[in-house]
C-alpha atoms as a PDB file:
ATOM      1  CA  MET A   1    -105.417-243.334  87.051  1.00  0.00           C
ATOM      2  CA  ALA A   2    -105.161-241.993  83.498  1.00  0.00           C
ATOM      3  CA  GLU A   3    -108.001-240.504  81.477  1.00  0.00           C
ATOM      4  CA  GLU A   4    -109.560-242.712  78.810  1.00  0.00           C
ATOM      5  CA  ASP A   5    -108.408-240.498  75.949  1.00  0.00           C
ATOM      6  CA  THR A   6    -104.774-240.336  77.063  1.00  0.00           C
ATOM      7  CA  PRO A   7    -102.647-241.932  74.298  1.00  0.00           C
ATOM      8  CA  LEU A   8    -100.982-245.207  75.217  1.00  0.00           C
ATOM      9  CA  LEU A   9     -97.339-245.791  74.292  1.00  0.00           C
ATOM     10  CA  ALA A  10     -95.572-249.161  74.171  1.00  0.00           C
ATOM     11  CA  VAL A  11     -92.048-248.747  75.576  1.00  0.00           C
ATOM     12  CA  THR A  12     -89.786-251.692  74.746  1.00  0.00           C
ATOM     13  CA  LEU A  13     -86.962-252.646  77.093  1.00  0.00           C
ATOM     14  CA  GLY A  14     -84.456-253.351  74.326  1.00  0.00           C
ATOM     15  CA  ASP A  15     -81.752-255.848  75.254  1.00  0.00           C
ATOM     16  CA  PRO A  16     -82.490-256.867  78.864  1.00  0.00           C
ATOM     17  CA  ALA A  17     -78.752-257.216  79.514  1.00  0.00           C
ATOM     18  CA  GLY A  18     -78.125-253.597  78.572  1.00  0.00           C
ATOM     19  CA  ILE A  19     -79.232-250.315  80.117  1.00  0.00           C
ATOM     20  CA  GLY A  20     -82.683-250.574  78.551  1.00  0.00           C
ATOM     21  CA  PRO A  21     -84.502-251.889  81.632  1.00  0.00           C
ATOM     22  CA  GLU A  22     -82.921-249.183  83.799  1.00  0.00           C
ATOM     23  CA  ILE A  23     -83.755-246.238  81.553  1.00  0.00           C
ATOM     24  CA  VAL A  24     -87.272-247.550  80.935  1.00  0.00           C
ATOM     25  CA  ALA A  25     -87.774-247.971  84.667  1.00  0.00           C
ATOM     26  CA  ARG A  26     -86.628-244.422  85.379  1.00  0.00           C
ATOM     27  CA  THR A  27     -88.721-242.970  82.557  1.00  0.00           C
ATOM     28  CA  LEU A  28     -91.955-244.777  83.430  1.00  0.00           C
ATOM     29  CA  ALA A  29     -91.526-244.289  87.180  1.00  0.00           C
ATOM     30  CA  ALA A  30     -91.481-240.522  86.586  1.00  0.00           C
ATOM     31  CA  PRO A  31     -92.655-239.711  83.039  1.00  0.00           C
ATOM     32  CA  PRO A  32     -91.968-236.242  81.617  1.00  0.00           C
ATOM     33  CA  ALA A  33     -94.530-233.890  83.127  1.00  0.00           C
ATOM     34  CA  ASP A  34     -95.199-232.231  79.772  1.00  0.00           C
ATOM     35  CA  ALA A  35     -95.854-235.505  77.913  1.00  0.00           C
ATOM     36  CA  ARG A  36     -99.548-236.309  77.580  1.00  0.00           C
ATOM     37  CA  ALA A  37     -99.306-240.082  77.305  1.00  0.00           C
ATOM     38  CA  LEU A  38     -99.329-243.263  79.369  1.00  0.00           C
ATOM     39  CA  GLY A  39     -96.423-245.627  78.841  1.00  0.00           C
ATOM     40  CA  VAL A  40     -96.562-249.395  79.148  1.00  0.00           C
ATOM     41  CA  ALA A  41     -93.315-251.368  79.219  1.00  0.00           C
ATOM     42  CA  VAL A  42     -92.956-254.337  76.868  1.00  0.00           C
ATOM     43  CA  GLY A  43     -90.199-256.840  77.572  1.00  0.00           C
ATOM     44  CA  ASP A  44     -88.701-259.021  80.266  1.00  0.00           C
ATOM     45  CA  ALA A  45     -90.661-258.294  83.460  1.00  0.00           C
ATOM     46  CA  GLY A  46     -88.043-259.933  85.665  1.00  0.00           C
ATOM     47  CA  ALA A  47     -85.221-257.809  84.270  1.00  0.00           C
ATOM     48  CA  LEU A  48     -87.384-254.704  84.713  1.00  0.00           C
ATOM     49  CA  ARG A  49     -88.017-255.541  88.383  1.00  0.00           C
ATOM     50  CA  GLU A  50     -84.313-256.053  88.951  1.00  0.00           C
ATOM     51  CA  ALA A  51     -83.591-252.737  87.238  1.00  0.00           C
ATOM     52  CA  VAL A  52     -86.049-250.970  89.540  1.00  0.00           C
ATOM     53  CA  ARG A  53     -84.242-252.468  92.519  1.00  0.00           C
ATOM     54  CA  ARG A  54     -80.790-251.548  91.253  1.00  0.00           C
ATOM     55  CA  CYS A  55     -81.882-248.000  90.486  1.00  0.00           C
ATOM     56  CA  GLY A  56     -83.325-247.657  93.988  1.00  0.00           C
ATOM     57  CA  LEU A  57     -86.721-246.561  92.648  1.00  0.00           C
ATOM     58  CA  GLU A  58     -89.878-246.405  94.727  1.00  0.00           C
ATOM     59  CA  ALA A  59     -91.928-248.106  92.044  1.00  0.00           C
ATOM     60  CA  THR A  60     -93.893-251.317  91.659  1.00  0.00           C
ATOM     61  CA  VAL A  61     -93.814-253.418  88.493  1.00  0.00           C
ATOM     62  CA  THR A  62     -97.159-255.003  87.592  1.00  0.00           C
ATOM     63  CA  GLU A  63     -97.715-257.384  84.688  1.00  0.00           C
ATOM     64  CA  VAL A  64    -100.739-256.643  82.498  1.00  0.00           C
ATOM     65  CA  GLY A  65    -102.316-258.575  79.675  1.00  0.00           C
ATOM     66  CA  HIS A  66    -103.498-255.508  77.761  1.00  0.00           C
ATOM     67  CA  PRO A  67    -102.100-251.966  77.706  1.00  0.00           C
ATOM     68  CA  ALA A  68    -105.455-250.444  78.661  1.00  0.00           C
ATOM     69  CA  GLU A  69    -105.171-252.092  82.082  1.00  0.00           C
ATOM     70  CA  ALA A  70    -102.455-249.556  82.875  1.00  0.00           C
ATOM     71  CA  ARG A  71    -105.099-246.815  83.049  1.00  0.00           C
ATOM     72  CA  ASP A  72    -106.428-248.255  86.308  1.00  0.00           C
ATOM     73  CA  LEU A  73    -103.082-248.582  88.077  1.00  0.00           C
ATOM     74  CA  ALA A  74    -101.978-246.265  90.850  1.00  0.00           C
ATOM     75  CA  GLN A  75     -99.272-243.667  90.359  1.00  0.00           C
ATOM     76  CA  GLY A  76     -95.816-245.146  90.913  1.00  0.00           C
ATOM     77  CA  THR A  77     -96.787-248.431  89.260  1.00  0.00           C
ATOM     78  CA  ILE A  78     -95.041-249.517  86.073  1.00  0.00           C
ATOM     79  CA  ALA A  79     -97.224-251.685  83.857  1.00  0.00           C
ATOM     80  CA  VAL A  80     -95.379-254.286  81.792  1.00  0.00           C
ATOM     81  CA  ILE A  81     -96.395-256.779  79.133  1.00  0.00           C
ATOM     82  CA  ASP A  82     -94.025-259.654  79.791  1.00  0.00           C
ATOM     83  CA  VAL A  83     -92.465-261.411  76.788  1.00  0.00           C
ATOM     84  CA  GLY A  84     -90.010-263.503  78.789  1.00  0.00           C
ATOM     85  CA  GLY A  85     -86.244-263.479  78.896  1.00  0.00           C
ATOM     86  CA  PRO A  86     -83.417-264.103  81.334  1.00  0.00           C
ATOM     87  CA  GLY A  87     -85.405-262.493  84.167  1.00  0.00           C
ATOM     88  CA  GLU A  88     -83.955-261.233  87.414  1.00  0.00           C
ATOM     89  CA  ASP A  89     -80.849-263.374  86.888  1.00  0.00           C
ATOM     90  CA  VAL A  90     -79.947-261.496  83.703  1.00  0.00           C
ATOM     91  CA  ALA A  91     -76.210-261.412  83.003  1.00  0.00           C
ATOM     92  CA  TRP A  92     -75.780-257.660  82.706  1.00  0.00           C
ATOM     93  CA  GLY A  93     -73.433-256.477  79.996  1.00  0.00           C
ATOM     94  CA  ARG A  94     -73.128-259.814  78.201  1.00  0.00           C
ATOM     95  CA  VAL A  95     -74.266-260.818  74.738  1.00  0.00           C
ATOM     96  CA  SER A  96     -76.671-263.751  74.779  1.00  0.00           C
ATOM     97  CA  ALA A  97     -79.162-265.317  72.410  1.00  0.00           C
ATOM     98  CA  GLU A  98     -81.744-265.431  75.222  1.00  0.00           C
ATOM     99  CA  ALA A  99     -81.536-261.682  75.702  1.00  0.00           C
ATOM    100  CA  GLY A 100     -81.656-261.219  71.927  1.00  0.00           C
ATOM    101  CA  ARG A 101     -84.841-263.300  71.672  1.00  0.00           C
ATOM    102  CA  SER A 102     -86.438-261.220  74.407  1.00  0.00           C
ATOM    103  CA  ALA A 103     -85.538-257.987  72.631  1.00  0.00           C
ATOM    104  CA  VAL A 104     -86.977-259.223  69.331  1.00  0.00           C
ATOM    105  CA  ALA A 105     -90.145-260.529  71.016  1.00  0.00           C
ATOM    106  CA  ALA A 106     -90.699-257.126  72.633  1.00  0.00           C
ATOM    107  CA  ILE A 107     -90.370-255.340  69.281  1.00  0.00           C
ATOM    108  CA  GLU A 108     -92.763-257.778  67.648  1.00  0.00           C
ATOM    109  CA  ALA A 109     -95.340-257.425  70.431  1.00  0.00           C
ATOM    110  CA  ALA A 110     -95.151-253.622  70.483  1.00  0.00           C
ATOM    111  CA  THR A 111     -95.466-253.440  66.697  1.00  0.00           C
ATOM    112  CA  ARG A 112     -98.615-255.588  66.754  1.00  0.00           C
ATOM    113  CA  LEU A 113    -100.128-253.283  69.354  1.00  0.00           C
ATOM    114  CA  ALA A 114     -99.367-250.242  67.221  1.00  0.00           C
ATOM    115  CA  LEU A 115    -100.642-251.818  64.008  1.00  0.00           C
ATOM    116  CA  ASP A 116    -104.003-252.710  65.543  1.00  0.00           C
ATOM    117  CA  GLY A 117    -104.350-249.262  67.093  1.00  0.00           C
ATOM    118  CA  THR A 118    -104.114-250.403  70.710  1.00  0.00           C
ATOM    119  CA  VAL A 119    -101.206-248.023  71.319  1.00  0.00           C
ATOM    120  CA  ALA A 120    -100.543-244.678  69.646  1.00  0.00           C
ATOM    121  CA  GLY A 121     -96.847-245.324  69.198  1.00  0.00           C
ATOM    122  CA  VAL A 122     -93.768-247.315  70.108  1.00  0.00           C
ATOM    123  CA  VAL A 123     -90.765-246.008  72.036  1.00  0.00           C
ATOM    124  CA  THR A 124     -87.725-248.260  71.885  1.00  0.00           C
ATOM    125  CA  ALA A 125     -84.757-248.740  74.175  1.00  0.00           C
ATOM    126  CA  PRO A 126     -81.525-249.969  72.534  1.00  0.00           C
ATOM    127  CA  ILE A 127     -80.972-253.496  71.267  1.00  0.00           C
ATOM    128  CA  HIS A 128     -77.640-255.248  70.753  1.00  0.00           C
ATOM    129  CA  LYS A 129     -77.113-256.399  67.186  1.00  0.00           C
ATOM    130  CA  GLU A 130     -74.906-259.369  68.097  1.00  0.00           C
ATOM    131  CA  ALA A 131     -77.559-260.590  70.525  1.00  0.00           C
ATOM    132  CA  ILE A 132     -80.448-260.438  68.058  1.00  0.00           C
ATOM    133  CA  TRP A 133     -78.284-262.115  65.420  1.00  0.00           C
ATOM    134  CA  ALA A 134     -77.398-264.844  67.921  1.00  0.00           C
ATOM    135  CA  ALA A 135     -81.138-265.307  68.396  1.00  0.00           C
ATOM    136  CA  GLY A 136     -81.584-265.852  64.668  1.00  0.00           C
ATOM    137  CA  ALA A 137     -82.638-262.394  63.505  1.00  0.00           C
ATOM    138  CA  THR A 138     -81.308-261.370  60.107  1.00  0.00           C
ATOM    139  CA  HIS A 139     -82.069-257.647  60.244  1.00  0.00           C
ATOM    140  CA  LEU A 140     -79.396-254.998  60.678  1.00  0.00           C
ATOM    141  CA  GLY A 141     -81.351-253.351  63.480  1.00  0.00           C
ATOM    142  CA  HIS A 142     -84.601-251.836  64.678  1.00  0.00           C
ATOM    143  CA  THR A 143     -85.429-249.900  61.531  1.00  0.00           C
ATOM    144  CA  GLU A 144     -85.086-252.843  59.175  1.00  0.00           C
ATOM    145  CA  MET A 145     -87.001-255.112  61.545  1.00  0.00           C
ATOM    146  CA  LEU A 146     -89.873-252.661  61.872  1.00  0.00           C
ATOM    147  CA  ALA A 147     -90.076-252.265  58.104  1.00  0.00           C
ATOM    148  CA  ALA A 148     -90.355-256.039  57.699  1.00  0.00           C
ATOM    149  CA  LEU A 149     -92.956-256.352  60.471  1.00  0.00           C
ATOM    150  CA  THR A 150     -95.153-253.662  58.923  1.00  0.00           C
ATOM    151  CA  GLY A 151     -94.737-254.783  55.329  1.00  0.00           C
ATOM    152  CA  ARG A 152     -92.923-251.672  54.171  1.00  0.00           C
ATOM    153  CA  ARG A 153     -89.985-251.599  51.753  1.00  0.00           C
ATOM    154  CA  ARG A 154     -87.851-249.697  54.221  1.00  0.00           C
ATOM    155  CA  GLY A 155     -87.998-247.231  57.042  1.00  0.00           C
ATOM    156  CA  GLN A 156     -86.180-243.940  57.101  1.00  0.00           C
ATOM    157  CA  THR A 157     -84.479-242.325  60.062  1.00  0.00           C
ATOM    158  CA  MET A 158     -85.157-238.781  61.135  1.00  0.00           C
ATOM    159  CA  PHE A 159     -83.396-237.146  64.059  1.00  0.00           C
ATOM    160  CA  LEU A 160     -85.082-234.416  66.041  1.00  0.00           C
ATOM    161  CA  VAL A 161     -82.921-232.017  68.034  1.00  0.00           C
ATOM    162  CA  ARG A 162     -84.165-228.707  69.405  1.00  0.00           C
ATOM    163  CA  GLY A 163     -86.881-228.488  66.770  1.00  0.00           C
ATOM    164  CA  LEU A 164     -84.616-229.309  63.814  1.00  0.00           C
ATOM    165  CA  ALA A 165     -85.172-232.499  61.807  1.00  0.00           C
ATOM    166  CA  ILE A 166     -82.179-234.297  60.271  1.00  0.00           C
ATOM    167  CA  PHE A 167     -82.487-236.865  57.479  1.00  0.00           C
ATOM    168  CA  PHE A 168     -79.859-239.132  55.897  1.00  0.00           C
ATOM    169  CA  THR A 169     -79.050-240.228  52.354  1.00  0.00           C
ATOM    170  CA  THR A 170     -76.919-243.140  53.632  1.00  0.00           C
ATOM    171  CA  ARG A 171     -76.567-244.545  57.135  1.00  0.00           C
ATOM    172  CA  HIS A 172     -74.989-247.847  58.148  1.00  0.00           C
ATOM    173  CA  LEU A 173     -72.233-248.133  55.561  1.00  0.00           C
ATOM    174  CA  ALA A 174     -68.457-248.003  55.652  1.00  0.00           C
ATOM    175  CA  LEU A 175     -67.362-244.453  54.883  1.00  0.00           C
ATOM    176  CA  ARG A 176     -65.976-245.297  51.441  1.00  0.00           C
ATOM    177  CA  ASP A 177     -69.212-247.115  50.541  1.00  0.00           C
ATOM    178  CA  ALA A 178     -71.331-244.259  51.868  1.00  0.00           C
ATOM    179  CA  VAL A 179     -69.510-241.683  49.748  1.00  0.00           C
ATOM    180  CA  ALA A 180     -69.922-243.930  46.699  1.00  0.00           C
ATOM    181  CA  GLY A 181     -73.629-244.123  47.546  1.00  0.00           C
ATOM    182  CA  VAL A 182     -74.130-240.365  47.249  1.00  0.00           C
ATOM    183  CA  THR A 183     -75.507-240.449  43.710  1.00  0.00           C
ATOM    184  CA  ARG A 184     -77.978-238.175  41.958  1.00  0.00           C
ATOM    185  CA  GLU A 185     -80.615-240.891  42.179  1.00  0.00           C
ATOM    186  CA  ALA A 186     -80.008-241.642  45.878  1.00  0.00           C
ATOM    187  CA  VAL A 187     -80.000-237.976  46.893  1.00  0.00           C
ATOM    188  CA  GLY A 188     -83.129-237.359  44.849  1.00  0.00           C
ATOM    189  CA  GLU A 189     -84.923-240.230  46.526  1.00  0.00           C
ATOM    190  CA  ALA A 190     -83.809-239.021  49.968  1.00  0.00           C
ATOM    191  CA  ILE A 191     -85.054-235.495  49.207  1.00  0.00           C
ATOM    192  CA  ALA A 192     -88.460-236.833  48.146  1.00  0.00           C
ATOM    193  CA  GLU A 193     -88.731-239.015  51.241  1.00  0.00           C
ATOM    194  CA  ALA A 194     -87.743-236.183  53.571  1.00  0.00           C
ATOM    195  CA  TRP A 195     -90.168-233.805  51.870  1.00  0.00           C
ATOM    196  CA  GLN A 196     -93.038-236.257  52.227  1.00  0.00           C
ATOM    197  CA  ALA A 197     -92.148-236.925  55.873  1.00  0.00           C
ATOM    198  CA  LEU A 198     -92.170-233.233  56.706  1.00  0.00           C
ATOM    199  CA  ARG A 199     -95.570-232.833  55.060  1.00  0.00           C
ATOM    200  CA  VAL A 200     -96.943-235.825  56.995  1.00  0.00           C
ATOM    201  CA  LEU A 201     -95.645-234.323  60.233  1.00  0.00           C
ATOM    202  CA  GLY A 202     -97.522-231.084  59.629  1.00  0.00           C
ATOM    203  CA  HIS A 203     -95.148-228.843  57.631  1.00  0.00           C
ATOM    204  CA  ASP A 204     -97.360-227.570  54.809  1.00  0.00           C
ATOM    205  CA  GLU A 205     -94.451-225.759  53.142  1.00  0.00           C
ATOM    206  CA  PRO A 206     -91.286-227.548  54.306  1.00  0.00           C
ATOM    207  CA  ARG A 207     -88.009-225.646  54.457  1.00  0.00           C
ATOM    208  CA  LEU A 208     -85.495-228.356  53.637  1.00  0.00           C
ATOM    209  CA  ALA A 209     -81.762-227.743  53.207  1.00  0.00           C
ATOM    210  CA  VAL A 210     -79.566-230.307  51.473  1.00  0.00           C
ATOM    211  CA  SER A 211     -76.060-230.511  52.861  1.00  0.00           C
ATOM    212  CA  ALA A 212     -72.937-230.571  50.776  1.00  0.00           C
ATOM    213  CA  LEU A 213     -70.555-233.490  51.169  1.00  0.00           C
ATOM    214  CA  ASN A 214     -67.078-232.045  50.618  1.00  0.00           C
ATOM    215  CA  PRO A 215     -65.255-229.232  52.460  1.00  0.00           C
ATOM    216  CA  HIS A 216     -66.606-225.807  51.490  1.00  0.00           C
ATOM    217  CA  GLY A 217     -69.132-227.519  49.247  1.00  0.00           C
ATOM    218  CA  GLY A 218     -66.355-228.830  47.023  1.00  0.00           C
ATOM    219  CA  GLU A 219     -65.055-225.399  45.962  1.00  0.00           C
ATOM    220  CA  GLY A 220     -66.275-225.854  42.409  1.00  0.00           C
ATOM    221  CA  GLY A 221     -64.804-229.333  42.131  1.00  0.00           C
ATOM    222  CA  ALA A 222     -61.399-228.592  43.657  1.00  0.00           C
ATOM    223  CA  PHE A 223     -62.197-230.596  46.808  1.00  0.00           C
ATOM    224  CA  GLY A 224     -64.475-233.203  45.252  1.00  0.00           C
ATOM    225  CA  ASP A 225     -67.138-233.200  42.586  1.00  0.00           C
ATOM    226  CA  GLU A 226     -70.169-234.818  44.251  1.00  0.00           C
ATOM    227  CA  GLU A 227     -71.817-231.409  44.583  1.00  0.00           C
ATOM    228  CA  LEU A 228     -71.509-230.935  40.811  1.00  0.00           C
ATOM    229  CA  THR A 229     -72.359-234.462  39.673  1.00  0.00           C
ATOM    230  CA  ALA A 230     -74.900-235.673  42.252  1.00  0.00           C
ATOM    231  CA  ILE A 231     -76.081-233.348  45.017  1.00  0.00           C
ATOM    232  CA  GLY A 232     -76.529-230.154  42.999  1.00  0.00           C
ATOM    233  CA  PRO A 233     -78.348-231.881  40.119  1.00  0.00           C
ATOM    234  CA  ALA A 234     -80.602-233.716  42.599  1.00  0.00           C
ATOM    235  CA  CYS A 235     -81.494-230.387  44.211  1.00  0.00           C
ATOM    236  CA  GLU A 236     -82.273-228.943  40.775  1.00  0.00           C
ATOM    237  CA  ASP A 237     -84.467-231.962  39.996  1.00  0.00           C
ATOM    238  CA  ALA A 238     -86.335-231.451  43.269  1.00  0.00           C
ATOM    239  CA  ARG A 239     -86.915-227.762  42.625  1.00  0.00           C
ATOM    240  CA  ALA A 240     -88.199-228.555  39.142  1.00  0.00           C
ATOM    241  CA  ALA A 241     -90.604-231.055  40.721  1.00  0.00           C
ATOM    242  CA  GLY A 242     -92.051-228.417  43.056  1.00  0.00           C
ATOM    243  CA  MET A 243     -89.879-228.986  46.115  1.00  0.00           C
ATOM    244  CA  PRO A 244     -87.957-225.706  46.648  1.00  0.00           C
ATOM    245  CA  VAL A 245     -85.057-227.151  48.614  1.00  0.00           C
ATOM    246  CA  ALA A 246     -81.956-225.142  49.463  1.00  0.00           C
ATOM    247  CA  GLY A 247     -78.573-226.561  48.609  1.00  0.00           C
ATOM    248  CA  PRO A 248     -76.091-227.891  48.460  1.00  0.00           C
ATOM    249  CA  VAL A 249     -75.226-225.907  51.606  1.00  0.00           C
ATOM    250  CA  PRO A 250     -71.735-226.425  53.128  1.00  0.00           C
ATOM    251  CA  ALA A 251     -71.987-228.913  55.983  1.00  0.00           C
ATOM    252  CA  ASP A 252     -70.035-226.738  58.405  1.00  0.00           C
ATOM    253  CA  ALA A 253     -72.806-224.117  58.282  1.00  0.00           C
ATOM    254  CA  VAL A 254     -76.064-225.857  57.446  1.00  0.00           C
ATOM    255  CA  PHE A 255     -76.804-227.336  60.891  1.00  0.00           C
ATOM    256  CA  HIS A 256     -76.157-224.020  62.627  1.00  0.00           C
ATOM    257  CA  GLN A 257     -78.449-222.292  60.159  1.00  0.00           C
ATOM    258  CA  GLY A 258     -81.135-224.882  60.799  1.00  0.00           C
ATOM    259  CA  LEU A 259     -80.922-224.509  64.562  1.00  0.00           C
ATOM    260  CA  GLU A 260     -81.138-220.746  64.112  1.00  0.00           C
ATOM    261  CA  GLY A 261     -84.511-221.254  62.425  1.00  0.00           C
ATOM    262  CA  ARG A 262     -83.683-220.859  58.739  1.00  0.00           C
ATOM    263  CA  TYR A 263     -84.713-224.440  57.923  1.00  0.00           C
ATOM    264  CA  ASP A 264     -87.131-227.035  59.292  1.00  0.00           C
ATOM    265  CA  ALA A 265     -84.827-229.866  58.323  1.00  0.00           C
ATOM    266  CA  VAL A 266     -81.435-230.796  56.918  1.00  0.00           C
ATOM    267  CA  LEU A 267     -80.710-233.720  54.613  1.00  0.00           C
ATOM    268  CA  CYS A 268     -77.158-234.907  55.234  1.00  0.00           C
ATOM    269  CA  HIS A 269     -75.432-237.751  53.428  1.00  0.00           C
ATOM    270  CA  LEU A 270     -73.337-239.724  55.910  1.00  0.00           C
ATOM    271  CA  HIS A 271     -74.182-241.350  59.241  1.00  0.00           C
ATOM    272  CA  ASP A 272     -71.688-239.346  61.286  1.00  0.00           C
ATOM    273  CA  GLN A 273     -72.325-236.102  59.431  1.00  0.00           C
ATOM    274  CA  GLY A 274     -75.742-235.924  61.078  1.00  0.00           C
ATOM    275  CA  HIS A 275     -75.047-237.831  64.277  1.00  0.00           C
ATOM    276  CA  ILE A 276     -72.076-235.726  65.335  1.00  0.00           C
ATOM    277  CA  ALA A 277     -73.913-232.474  64.664  1.00  0.00           C
ATOM    278  CA  ALA A 278     -77.017-233.485  66.620  1.00  0.00           C
ATOM    279  CA  LYS A 279     -75.297-235.155  69.551  1.00  0.00           C
ATOM    280  CA  THR A 280     -72.808-232.359  70.020  1.00  0.00           C
ATOM    281  CA  VAL A 281     -75.650-229.857  70.306  1.00  0.00           C
ATOM    282  CA  ASP A 282     -77.763-231.971  72.679  1.00  0.00           C
ATOM    283  CA  PHE A 283     -76.862-235.611  73.259  1.00  0.00           C
ATOM    284  CA  ASP A 284     -79.721-236.368  75.651  1.00  0.00           C
ATOM    285  CA  GLY A 285     -82.227-234.343  73.664  1.00  0.00           C
ATOM    286  CA  THR A 286     -81.592-235.989  70.289  1.00  0.00           C
ATOM    287  CA  VAL A 287     -84.423-238.345  69.367  1.00  0.00           C
ATOM    288  CA  SER A 288     -84.584-240.842  66.524  1.00  0.00           C
ATOM    289  CA  VAL A 289     -87.922-241.101  64.709  1.00  0.00           C
ATOM    290  CA  THR A 290     -88.528-243.853  62.170  1.00  0.00           C
ATOM    291  CA  LEU A 291     -90.651-242.727  59.228  1.00  0.00           C
ATOM    292  CA  GLY A 292     -91.898-244.603  56.196  1.00  0.00           C
ATOM    293  CA  LEU A 293     -93.866-246.904  58.499  1.00  0.00           C
ATOM    294  CA  PRO A 294     -97.610-247.093  59.227  1.00  0.00           C
ATOM    295  CA  ILE A 295     -96.835-246.723  62.938  1.00  0.00           C
ATOM    296  CA  LEU A 296     -95.194-244.065  65.071  1.00  0.00           C
ATOM    297  CA  ARG A 297     -91.812-245.077  66.471  1.00  0.00           C
ATOM    298  CA  THR A 298     -89.325-242.988  68.413  1.00  0.00           C
ATOM    299  CA  SER A 299     -86.091-244.163  69.955  1.00  0.00           C
ATOM    300  CA  VAL A 300     -82.962-243.263  71.833  1.00  0.00           C
ATOM    301  CA  ASP A 301     -79.930-242.401  69.722  1.00  0.00           C
ATOM    302  CA  HIS A 302     -77.443-244.495  71.733  1.00  0.00           C
ATOM    303  CA  GLY A 303     -76.564-248.114  72.325  1.00  0.00           C
ATOM    304  CA  THR A 304     -76.869-250.675  75.099  1.00  0.00           C
ATOM    305  CA  ALA A 305     -73.899-249.354  77.148  1.00  0.00           C
ATOM    306  CA  PHE A 306     -72.931-252.822  78.360  1.00  0.00           C
ATOM    307  CA  ASP A 307     -70.052-251.313  80.333  1.00  0.00           C
ATOM    308  CA  ILE A 308     -72.442-249.749  82.867  1.00  0.00           C
ATOM    309  CA  ALA A 309     -75.476-252.037  82.501  1.00  0.00           C
ATOM    310  CA  GLY A 310     -76.853-253.207  85.828  1.00  0.00           C
ATOM    311  CA  THR A 311     -75.123-250.506  87.867  1.00  0.00           C
ATOM    312  CA  GLY A 312     -78.208-248.325  88.171  1.00  0.00           C
ATOM    313  CA  THR A 313     -76.249-245.296  86.959  1.00  0.00           C
ATOM    314  CA  ALA A 314     -77.442-244.992  83.342  1.00  0.00           C
ATOM    315  CA  GLY A 315     -78.953-241.638  82.474  1.00  0.00           C
ATOM    316  CA  HIS A 316     -82.430-241.795  80.984  1.00  0.00           C
ATOM    317  CA  GLY A 317     -82.517-238.338  79.405  1.00  0.00           C
ATOM    318  CA  THR A 318     -82.601-239.554  75.814  1.00  0.00           C
ATOM    319  CA  LEU A 319     -85.361-242.108  76.438  1.00  0.00           C
ATOM    320  CA  SER A 320     -87.341-239.464  78.297  1.00  0.00           C
ATOM    321  CA  ALA A 321     -86.935-237.180  75.273  1.00  0.00           C
ATOM    322  CA  ALA A 322     -88.051-239.999  72.949  1.00  0.00           C
ATOM    323  CA  TYR A 323     -91.094-240.587  75.165  1.00  0.00           C
ATOM    324  CA  ARG A 324     -91.958-236.879  75.031  1.00  0.00           C
ATOM    325  CA  ALA A 325     -91.522-236.818  71.254  1.00  0.00           C
ATOM    326  CA  ALA A 326     -93.836-239.812  70.840  1.00  0.00           C
ATOM    327  CA  ALA A 327     -96.473-238.098  72.959  1.00  0.00           C
ATOM    328  CA  ASP A 328     -96.122-234.927  70.868  1.00  0.00           C
ATOM    329  CA  LEU A 329     -96.329-236.841  67.580  1.00  0.00           C
ATOM    330  CA  ALA A 330     -99.173-239.156  68.637  1.00  0.00           C
ATOM    331  CA  PRO A 331    -101.806-236.919  66.960  1.00  0.00           C
ATOM    332  CA  ARG A 332    -100.028-237.595  63.613  1.00  0.00           C
ATOM    333  CA  ARG A 333    -100.383-241.381  63.824  1.00  0.00           C
ATOM    334  CA  GLU A 334    -103.360-241.553  61.440  1.00  0.00           C
ATOM    335  CA  ALA A 335    -101.554-239.313  58.954  1.00  0.00           C
ATOM    336  CA  LEU A 336     -98.584-241.698  59.130  1.00  0.00           C
ATOM    337  CA  ARG A 337    -100.814-244.674  58.454  1.00  0.00           C
ATOM    338  CA  ARG A 338    -102.429-242.982  55.432  1.00  0.00           C
ATOM    339  CA  ALA A 339     -99.066-241.927  54.003  1.00  0.00           C
ATOM    340  CA  TYR A 340     -97.364-245.262  54.618  1.00  0.00           C
ATOM    341  CA  PRO A 341    -100.057-247.975  54.652  1.00  0.00           C
ATOM    342  CA  PRO A 342     -99.136-251.471  55.886  1.00  0.00           C
ATOM    343  CA  GLY A 343     -97.872-253.760  53.173  1.00  0.00           C
END
């Protein structure tokens, strides 16, 4: 039984045909010992039971109507709020509209619980974009869906890896479009958003480094001029506005410097620029945090892994890290709500 003041976390199963049910089962059957929280699964209860069986776990899955009911359950019991889905007959590793509907319903249910304060945060397992689109969703993914559900203009992604935060100017764009999107205005907006996020998360005087885009920081324009026309001017604008950011700092050094403790965070400009750096350092320990929302949301930084779904072999290290991060950040949930009120 959990204490009454232990924060509750809603842990969505993601796509029930992917590895989500397995990694949620493993995480909630044996939560991180250093995470002060109580997780409640949200998703397809039948798929979760089948995942427990396939993983060979000594755990019982019990459906609950309210997350607080999980406080009274015995150790080794996984509480789940069932939203329906393909159930125990789930076709592992296959895209289906039914699985997509289940994934969307779980996100919607967990978001409602976070908005009304029933849970302190939401931890999400991976969804499959084709499946949610087959179910009628029009969002690109979790972040866009959560922004719409909470009435915010957009969410922003922050990675956490070994104490270093990583922000992005652009994310899900073709490389040529992403480079074109690195403008003075876009970088300036990303700096301001990252600065605010760091303040909300407890950094009174953030140490933010802004990455360069081109090799060696462009070498004075010889290898590209974005540092001269966009990134450098945006950094100057930020410093003039009272945000003493460092940069542009060459990308081949800035992440190392951050991990060594020189910076609290790095703003990079391309999806892979940040993803490769973080995942190379610690794939399982890299956690995605969505900011700009009135709720706390952490997530894995990987996909549904359809190729191994249903085999019981999926590693749950990243979800466990996301669970731990949500527990650590739970005390900031009211600060998040004040900074990013529901629309």
